[in-house]
Amino acid sequence: MEAKQDGTAQSEHSGEWSRVDELNWAADRSTIRVIKKRGEEPSDWLATEYRELSARRKAACQVTPRG
């Protein structure tokens, strides 16, 4: 992984979706749900990280598998 200027991590192959990406997305999603259940709002950083991962996940799912 390489770090971007804003401090977030990005896969070396930004078009690919890895198991680590999936685990990070699921962890962010779970954390956000817990925070919202407490009646609070997630930090801007967490919300942005989740949105970026969700967009990448959606894009990766729309790619037709080869073979």
N, C-alpha and C. Protein backbone atom coordinates (compact mmCIF):
# COMPACT_ATOMS: atom_id res chain seq x y z
N MET A 1 0.84 -1.19 0.00
CA MET A 1 0.00 0.00 0.00
C MET A 1 0.87 1.23 0.00
N GLU A 2 0.39 2.23 -0.65
CA GLU A 2 1.13 3.49 -0.61
C GLU A 2 0.23 4.55 0.00
N ALA A 3 0.83 5.45 0.74
CA ALA A 3 0.06 6.50 1.42
C ALA A 3 -0.13 7.68 0.49
N LYS A 4 -1.34 8.22 0.50
CA LYS A 4 -1.62 9.43 -0.24
C LYS A 4 -1.27 10.63 0.63
N GLN A 5 -1.29 11.82 0.05
CA GLN A 5 -0.92 13.02 0.80
C GLN A 5 -1.85 13.27 1.98
N ASP A 6 -3.12 12.90 1.87
CA ASP A 6 -4.05 13.16 2.97
C ASP A 6 -3.94 12.14 4.09
N GLY A 7 -3.01 11.18 3.95
CA GLY A 7 -2.76 10.22 5.02
C GLY A 7 -3.52 8.92 4.88
N THR A 8 -4.42 8.82 3.89
CA THR A 8 -5.14 7.58 3.71
C THR A 8 -4.31 6.62 2.89
N ALA A 9 -4.57 5.35 3.03
CA ALA A 9 -3.83 4.35 2.29
C ALA A 9 -4.57 4.00 1.01
N GLN A 10 -3.82 3.65 0.00
CA GLN A 10 -4.40 3.29 -1.27
C GLN A 10 -3.66 2.08 -1.81
N SER A 11 -4.40 1.12 -2.35
CA SER A 11 -3.75 -0.05 -2.94
C SER A 11 -2.86 0.38 -4.07
N GLU A 12 -1.78 -0.37 -4.26
CA GLU A 12 -0.87 -0.06 -5.36
C GLU A 12 -1.59 -0.16 -6.69
N HIS A 13 -2.52 -1.09 -6.79
CA HIS A 13 -3.32 -1.26 -7.99
C HIS A 13 -4.72 -0.75 -7.68
N SER A 14 -4.95 0.53 -7.91
CA SER A 14 -6.18 1.16 -7.46
C SER A 14 -7.43 0.58 -8.09
N GLY A 15 -7.32 -0.10 -9.23
CA GLY A 15 -8.48 -0.68 -9.87
C GLY A 15 -8.88 -2.02 -9.29
N GLU A 16 -8.02 -2.61 -8.48
CA GLU A 16 -8.30 -3.93 -7.90
C GLU A 16 -8.91 -3.80 -6.52
N TRP A 17 -9.71 -4.77 -6.16
CA TRP A 17 -10.34 -4.81 -4.85
C TRP A 17 -9.80 -6.03 -4.14
N SER A 18 -9.16 -5.84 -3.01
CA SER A 18 -8.52 -6.94 -2.30
C SER A 18 -9.32 -7.34 -1.06
N ARG A 19 -8.91 -8.43 -0.48
CA ARG A 19 -9.52 -8.91 0.77
C ARG A 19 -9.30 -7.87 1.88
N VAL A 20 -8.14 -7.24 1.90
CA VAL A 20 -7.85 -6.21 2.90
C VAL A 20 -8.79 -5.02 2.71
N ASP A 21 -9.03 -4.63 1.45
CA ASP A 21 -9.97 -3.55 1.18
C ASP A 21 -11.36 -3.90 1.71
N GLU A 22 -11.78 -5.14 1.48
CA GLU A 22 -13.10 -5.59 1.95
C GLU A 22 -13.18 -5.55 3.47
N LEU A 23 -12.12 -6.00 4.14
CA LEU A 23 -12.10 -5.97 5.60
C LEU A 23 -12.12 -4.53 6.14
N ASN A 24 -11.37 -3.64 5.49
CA ASN A 24 -11.38 -2.23 5.91
C ASN A 24 -12.76 -1.60 5.71
N TRP A 25 -13.40 -1.90 4.57
CA TRP A 25 -14.73 -1.38 4.28
C TRP A 25 -15.73 -1.87 5.34
N ALA A 26 -15.68 -3.16 5.65
CA ALA A 26 -16.60 -3.74 6.63
C ALA A 26 -16.36 -3.15 8.03
N ALA A 27 -15.10 -2.95 8.39
CA ALA A 27 -14.79 -2.36 9.70
C ALA A 27 -15.29 -0.93 9.80
N ASP A 28 -15.07 -0.15 8.73
CA ASP A 28 -15.57 1.23 8.72
C ASP A 28 -17.08 1.26 8.82
N ARG A 29 -17.73 0.39 8.06
CA ARG A 29 -19.20 0.32 8.06
C ARG A 29 -19.74 -0.01 9.45
N SER A 30 -19.13 -0.99 10.08
CA SER A 30 -19.54 -1.39 11.42
C SER A 30 -19.35 -0.26 12.43
N THR A 31 -18.20 0.38 12.36
CA THR A 31 -17.90 1.49 13.27
C THR A 31 -18.88 2.64 13.09
N ILE A 32 -19.18 2.97 11.84
CA ILE A 32 -20.12 4.06 11.57
C ILE A 32 -21.50 3.72 12.12
N ARG A 33 -21.93 2.47 11.96
CA ARG A 33 -23.25 2.06 12.49
C ARG A 33 -23.31 2.22 14.01
N VAL A 34 -22.25 1.81 14.70
CA VAL A 34 -22.21 1.93 16.16
C VAL A 34 -22.27 3.39 16.58
N ILE A 35 -21.50 4.23 15.90
CA ILE A 35 -21.47 5.66 16.22
C ILE A 35 -22.85 6.27 16.02
N LYS A 36 -23.51 5.93 14.90
CA LYS A 36 -24.83 6.50 14.62
C LYS A 36 -25.89 5.99 15.59
N LYS A 37 -25.77 4.74 16.05
CA LYS A 37 -26.71 4.21 17.04
C LYS A 37 -26.62 4.99 18.35
N ARG A 38 -25.43 5.53 18.65
CA ARG A 38 -25.25 6.35 19.85
C ARG A 38 -25.77 7.77 19.65
N GLY A 39 -26.26 8.06 18.43
CA GLY A 39 -26.79 9.38 18.14
C GLY A 39 -25.72 10.40 17.79
N GLU A 40 -24.54 9.93 17.44
CA GLU A 40 -23.44 10.81 17.09
C GLU A 40 -23.16 10.70 15.60
N GLU A 41 -22.34 11.58 15.10
CA GLU A 41 -21.92 11.56 13.71
C GLU A 41 -20.46 11.11 13.64
N PRO A 42 -20.11 10.28 12.65
CA PRO A 42 -18.71 9.87 12.51
C PRO A 42 -17.84 11.05 12.09
N SER A 43 -16.57 10.94 12.36
CA SER A 43 -15.63 12.00 11.98
C SER A 43 -15.62 12.15 10.47
N ASP A 44 -15.21 13.31 10.01
CA ASP A 44 -15.10 13.56 8.57
C ASP A 44 -14.14 12.57 7.94
N TRP A 45 -13.03 12.28 8.63
CA TRP A 45 -12.06 11.35 8.09
C TRP A 45 -12.68 9.96 7.88
N LEU A 46 -13.39 9.46 8.88
CA LEU A 46 -13.98 8.13 8.78
C LEU A 46 -15.05 8.09 7.69
N ALA A 47 -15.88 9.11 7.64
CA ALA A 47 -16.93 9.16 6.63
C ALA A 47 -16.34 9.21 5.22
N THR A 48 -15.28 9.99 5.05
CA THR A 48 -14.63 10.09 3.74
C THR A 48 -13.97 8.77 3.36
N GLU A 49 -13.29 8.16 4.30
CA GLU A 49 -12.64 6.87 4.06
C GLU A 49 -13.68 5.83 3.62
N TYR A 50 -14.81 5.79 4.29
CA TYR A 50 -15.87 4.84 3.96
C TYR A 50 -16.45 5.12 2.58
N ARG A 51 -16.69 6.40 2.27
CA ARG A 51 -17.22 6.75 0.95
C ARG A 51 -16.26 6.35 -0.17
N GLU A 52 -14.96 6.60 0.04
CA GLU A 52 -13.96 6.24 -0.97
C GLU A 52 -13.90 4.73 -1.17
N LEU A 53 -13.90 3.98 -0.08
CA LEU A 53 -13.87 2.53 -0.18
C LEU A 53 -15.15 2.01 -0.84
N SER A 54 -16.28 2.59 -0.50
CA SER A 54 -17.56 2.16 -1.09
C SER A 54 -17.58 2.41 -2.59
N ALA A 55 -17.06 3.55 -3.02
CA ALA A 55 -17.01 3.86 -4.45
C ALA A 55 -16.09 2.88 -5.18
N ARG A 56 -14.92 2.59 -4.59
CA ARG A 56 -14.00 1.63 -5.20
C ARG A 56 -14.60 0.23 -5.23
N ARG A 57 -15.31 -0.13 -4.18
CA ARG A 57 -15.94 -1.45 -4.10
C ARG A 57 -17.00 -1.59 -5.18
N LYS A 58 -17.81 -0.56 -5.33
CA LYS A 58 -18.86 -0.57 -6.35
C LYS A 58 -18.25 -0.67 -7.75
N ALA A 59 -17.20 0.10 -8.01
CA ALA A 59 -16.54 0.07 -9.32
C ALA A 59 -15.94 -1.31 -9.59
N ALA A 60 -15.35 -1.91 -8.57
CA ALA A 60 -14.74 -3.24 -8.75
C ALA A 60 -15.79 -4.30 -9.00
N CYS A 61 -16.96 -4.16 -8.41
CA CYS A 61 -18.04 -5.14 -8.61
C CYS A 61 -18.66 -5.02 -9.99
N GLN A 62 -18.57 -3.86 -10.61
CA GLN A 62 -19.17 -3.65 -11.92
C GLN A 62 -18.28 -4.17 -13.05
N VAL A 63 -17.02 -4.43 -12.76
CA VAL A 63 -16.10 -4.96 -13.77
C VAL A 63 -16.44 -6.42 -14.01
N THR A 64 -16.60 -6.77 -15.26
CA THR A 64 -16.92 -8.16 -15.57
C THR A 64 -15.68 -9.04 -15.42
N PRO A 65 -15.83 -10.16 -14.74
CA PRO A 65 -14.68 -11.04 -14.56
C PRO A 65 -14.23 -11.64 -15.88
N ARG A 66 -12.93 -11.83 -16.00
CA ARG A 66 -12.38 -12.46 -17.21
C ARG A 66 -12.48 -13.97 -17.12
N GLY A 67 -12.56 -14.59 -18.28
CA GLY A 67 -12.49 -16.05 -18.29
C GLY A 67 -13.74 -16.65 -18.66
